[in-house]
Amino acid sequence: MVNIKKKTLFGLIIVIISLSACNNRAVYSDYTEIPSAVWAKDRFFSFNVEIDDVEALYEIDLLIRNNDMFPRQNLWLSAVQEHNGLQIKVDTVNVFLLDEQGKWRGKGLGTGYDNYFIWQQRVKFPAKGNYVFRFGHLMRIDVLEGIERIGIEVIKEKQY
């Protein structure tokens, strides 16, 4: 019975995310499930984003779902951006999943929390084509528990 409720809740969350992404500005939005919410330090998750409009400016958001088994306040990530097989940007990202009072920042029911972080704004891609965004964790724990999904959303910024 509990498994059915989890599947129903997960389906509802996907529908809500899908509907909120239907704003004609979302170029890409996707999550990757992390099996059993256990993320090994040597495991990277990749997202392939096709960019057709190089005149536009973009916002890139990180989408992270954690559960209450996550052992820290913040999550350090390695973020690599590639184009045509070449690394064009390497970044270290620190996101806080807990506030100063120990309350989860993400929205959710039960033990799962969806977090949306603006990672980059006013991004101008230099050329059309496929861009690969690859993420790994940089925590001092070899096997990190509590991160259920990671994803990105690429949105065209409003043109004024």
Protein backbone atom coordinates (compact mmCIF):
# COMPACT_ATOMS: atom_id res chain seq x y z
CA MET A 1 0.00 0.00 0.00
CA VAL A 2 2.81 2.41 0.87
CA ASN A 3 4.57 1.60 -2.44
CA ILE A 4 1.39 2.53 -4.38
CA LYS A 5 1.18 5.85 -2.54
CA LYS A 6 4.83 6.60 -3.35
CA LYS A 7 4.27 5.80 -7.04
CA THR A 8 1.16 7.99 -7.12
CA LEU A 9 2.99 10.85 -5.41
CA PHE A 10 5.98 10.48 -7.76
CA GLY A 11 3.63 10.54 -10.78
CA LEU A 12 1.89 13.64 -9.47
CA ILE A 13 5.24 15.41 -8.97
CA ILE A 14 6.31 14.55 -12.53
CA VAL A 15 3.02 15.95 -13.91
CA ILE A 16 3.43 19.16 -11.91
CA ILE A 17 7.03 19.60 -13.06
CA SER A 18 6.02 18.89 -16.65
CA LEU A 19 3.19 21.41 -16.53
CA SER A 20 5.37 24.08 -14.96
CA ALA A 21 7.99 23.50 -17.67
CA CYS A 22 5.42 24.18 -20.41
CA ASN A 23 6.11 27.88 -20.49
CA ASN A 24 7.66 27.90 -24.01
CA ARG A 25 10.89 29.14 -22.47
CA ALA A 26 12.08 25.77 -21.15
CA VAL A 27 14.55 24.35 -23.67
CA TYR A 28 15.39 21.30 -21.57
CA SER A 29 14.25 19.77 -18.29
CA ASP A 30 15.21 16.33 -17.04
CA TYR A 31 16.02 14.35 -13.90
CA THR A 32 18.17 11.25 -13.47
CA GLU A 33 17.23 8.77 -10.77
CA ILE A 34 20.04 7.78 -8.42
CA PRO A 35 19.47 4.09 -7.67
CA SER A 36 18.52 3.48 -4.02
CA ALA A 37 19.48 7.13 -3.31
CA VAL A 38 23.12 5.99 -3.00
CA TRP A 39 25.63 8.07 -4.99
CA ALA A 40 29.18 6.73 -5.31
CA LYS A 41 31.92 9.35 -5.53
CA ASP A 42 33.13 8.05 -8.91
CA ARG A 43 29.64 8.22 -10.50
CA PHE A 44 28.76 11.16 -12.75
CA PHE A 45 25.37 12.00 -14.23
CA SER A 46 25.16 13.59 -17.68
CA PHE A 47 22.54 15.64 -19.48
CA ASN A 48 22.61 16.37 -23.23
CA VAL A 49 21.08 19.72 -24.14
CA GLU A 50 20.53 20.80 -27.73
CA ILE A 51 20.94 24.57 -28.21
CA ASP A 52 19.54 26.07 -31.42
CA ASP A 53 19.30 29.77 -30.53
CA VAL A 54 22.71 31.31 -29.82
CA GLU A 55 21.32 34.86 -29.67
CA ALA A 56 19.23 34.14 -26.57
CA LEU A 57 20.33 34.29 -22.95
CA TYR A 58 19.64 31.29 -20.75
CA GLU A 59 19.20 30.40 -17.10
CA ILE A 60 20.40 26.98 -15.96
CA ASP A 61 18.82 25.52 -12.83
CA LEU A 62 19.84 22.52 -10.75
CA LEU A 63 17.06 20.16 -9.71
CA ILE A 64 17.89 18.02 -6.69
CA ARG A 65 15.62 15.67 -4.78
CA ASN A 66 16.90 14.54 -1.40
CA ASN A 67 15.44 12.51 1.41
CA ASP A 68 15.93 12.81 5.16
CA MET A 69 18.83 10.32 5.05
CA PHE A 70 21.10 13.00 3.56
CA PRO A 71 23.84 13.39 6.19
CA ARG A 72 24.87 17.05 5.74
CA GLN A 73 23.55 20.59 5.49
CA ASN A 74 25.01 21.25 2.06
CA LEU A 75 25.96 19.38 -1.10
CA TRP A 76 29.16 20.08 -3.05
CA LEU A 77 29.04 19.27 -6.76
CA SER A 78 31.48 19.16 -9.62
CA ALA A 79 29.86 20.55 -12.78
CA VAL A 80 31.50 20.11 -16.18
CA GLN A 81 30.14 21.61 -19.39
CA GLU A 82 31.27 20.21 -22.75
CA HIS A 83 30.67 21.09 -26.40
CA ASN A 84 31.97 19.08 -29.36
CA GLY A 85 33.85 16.79 -26.98
CA LEU A 86 35.81 19.64 -25.36
CA GLN A 87 35.43 20.90 -21.80
CA ILE A 88 34.40 24.53 -21.98
CA LYS A 89 33.61 25.12 -18.32
CA VAL A 90 34.37 23.42 -15.00
CA ASP A 91 32.62 24.64 -11.87
CA THR A 92 32.31 23.76 -8.21
CA VAL A 93 28.80 24.27 -6.86
CA ASN A 94 27.73 24.37 -3.21
CA VAL A 95 23.99 24.11 -2.52
CA PHE A 96 22.36 24.13 0.90
CA LEU A 97 19.64 21.54 1.44
CA LEU A 98 19.08 22.45 5.12
CA ASP A 99 18.60 25.92 6.54
CA GLU A 100 20.32 27.25 9.67
CA GLN A 101 17.56 25.84 11.90
CA GLY A 102 17.93 22.32 10.47
CA LYS A 103 14.77 22.47 8.31
CA TRP A 104 14.86 21.03 4.79
CA ARG A 105 14.72 23.84 2.21
CA GLY A 106 13.05 21.78 -0.51
CA LYS A 107 9.35 21.30 -1.01
CA GLY A 108 7.80 17.90 -0.52
CA LEU A 109 5.68 15.51 1.43
CA GLY A 110 6.92 12.77 3.70
CA THR A 111 10.66 12.24 3.55
CA GLY A 112 11.42 13.55 0.02
CA TYR A 113 12.27 17.16 -0.82
CA ASP A 114 12.50 18.81 -4.26
CA ASN A 115 15.02 21.64 -4.54
CA TYR A 116 15.42 24.12 -7.39
CA PHE A 117 18.60 26.17 -7.46
CA ILE A 118 19.52 28.82 -9.99
CA TRP A 119 23.01 27.77 -11.05
CA GLN A 120 23.81 30.17 -13.90
CA GLN A 121 22.06 33.22 -15.30
CA ARG A 122 22.49 35.23 -18.49
CA VAL A 123 24.34 32.35 -20.17
CA LYS A 124 25.10 32.87 -23.85
CA PHE A 125 26.10 29.71 -25.69
CA PRO A 126 28.88 30.34 -28.24
CA ALA A 127 27.63 27.94 -30.92
CA LYS A 128 24.63 25.84 -31.88
CA GLY A 129 24.74 22.17 -31.07
CA ASN A 130 24.77 19.65 -28.28
CA TYR A 131 26.08 20.65 -24.84
CA VAL A 132 26.79 18.02 -22.21
CA PHE A 133 26.46 18.90 -18.52
CA ARG A 134 28.06 16.35 -16.18
CA PHE A 135 27.67 16.33 -12.38
CA GLY A 136 29.46 14.43 -9.64
CA HIS A 137 29.48 14.94 -5.89
CA LEU A 138 32.54 16.33 -4.11
CA MET A 139 31.56 15.33 -0.59
CA ARG A 140 34.14 13.78 1.76
CA ILE A 141 32.01 10.64 1.78
CA ASP A 142 32.76 7.94 -0.80
CA VAL A 143 29.18 6.67 -0.85
CA LEU A 144 26.68 9.48 -0.31
CA GLU A 145 23.17 8.56 0.82
CA GLY A 146 20.03 10.62 0.54
CA ILE A 147 20.13 12.12 -2.97
CA GLU A 148 17.33 10.50 -4.96
CA ARG A 149 17.50 12.48 -8.22
CA ILE A 150 19.58 15.15 -9.88
CA GLY A 151 18.66 17.14 -12.94
CA ILE A 152 18.90 20.38 -14.81
CA GLU A 153 16.53 22.78 -16.49
CA VAL A 154 17.66 25.17 -19.21
CA ILE A 155 15.33 28.12 -19.71
CA LYS A 156 15.42 30.97 -22.21
CA GLU A 157 15.45 34.19 -20.26
CA LYS A 158 12.78 36.74 -21.10
CA GLN A 159 13.79 39.17 -23.81
CA TYR A 160 12.85 42.75 -23.01
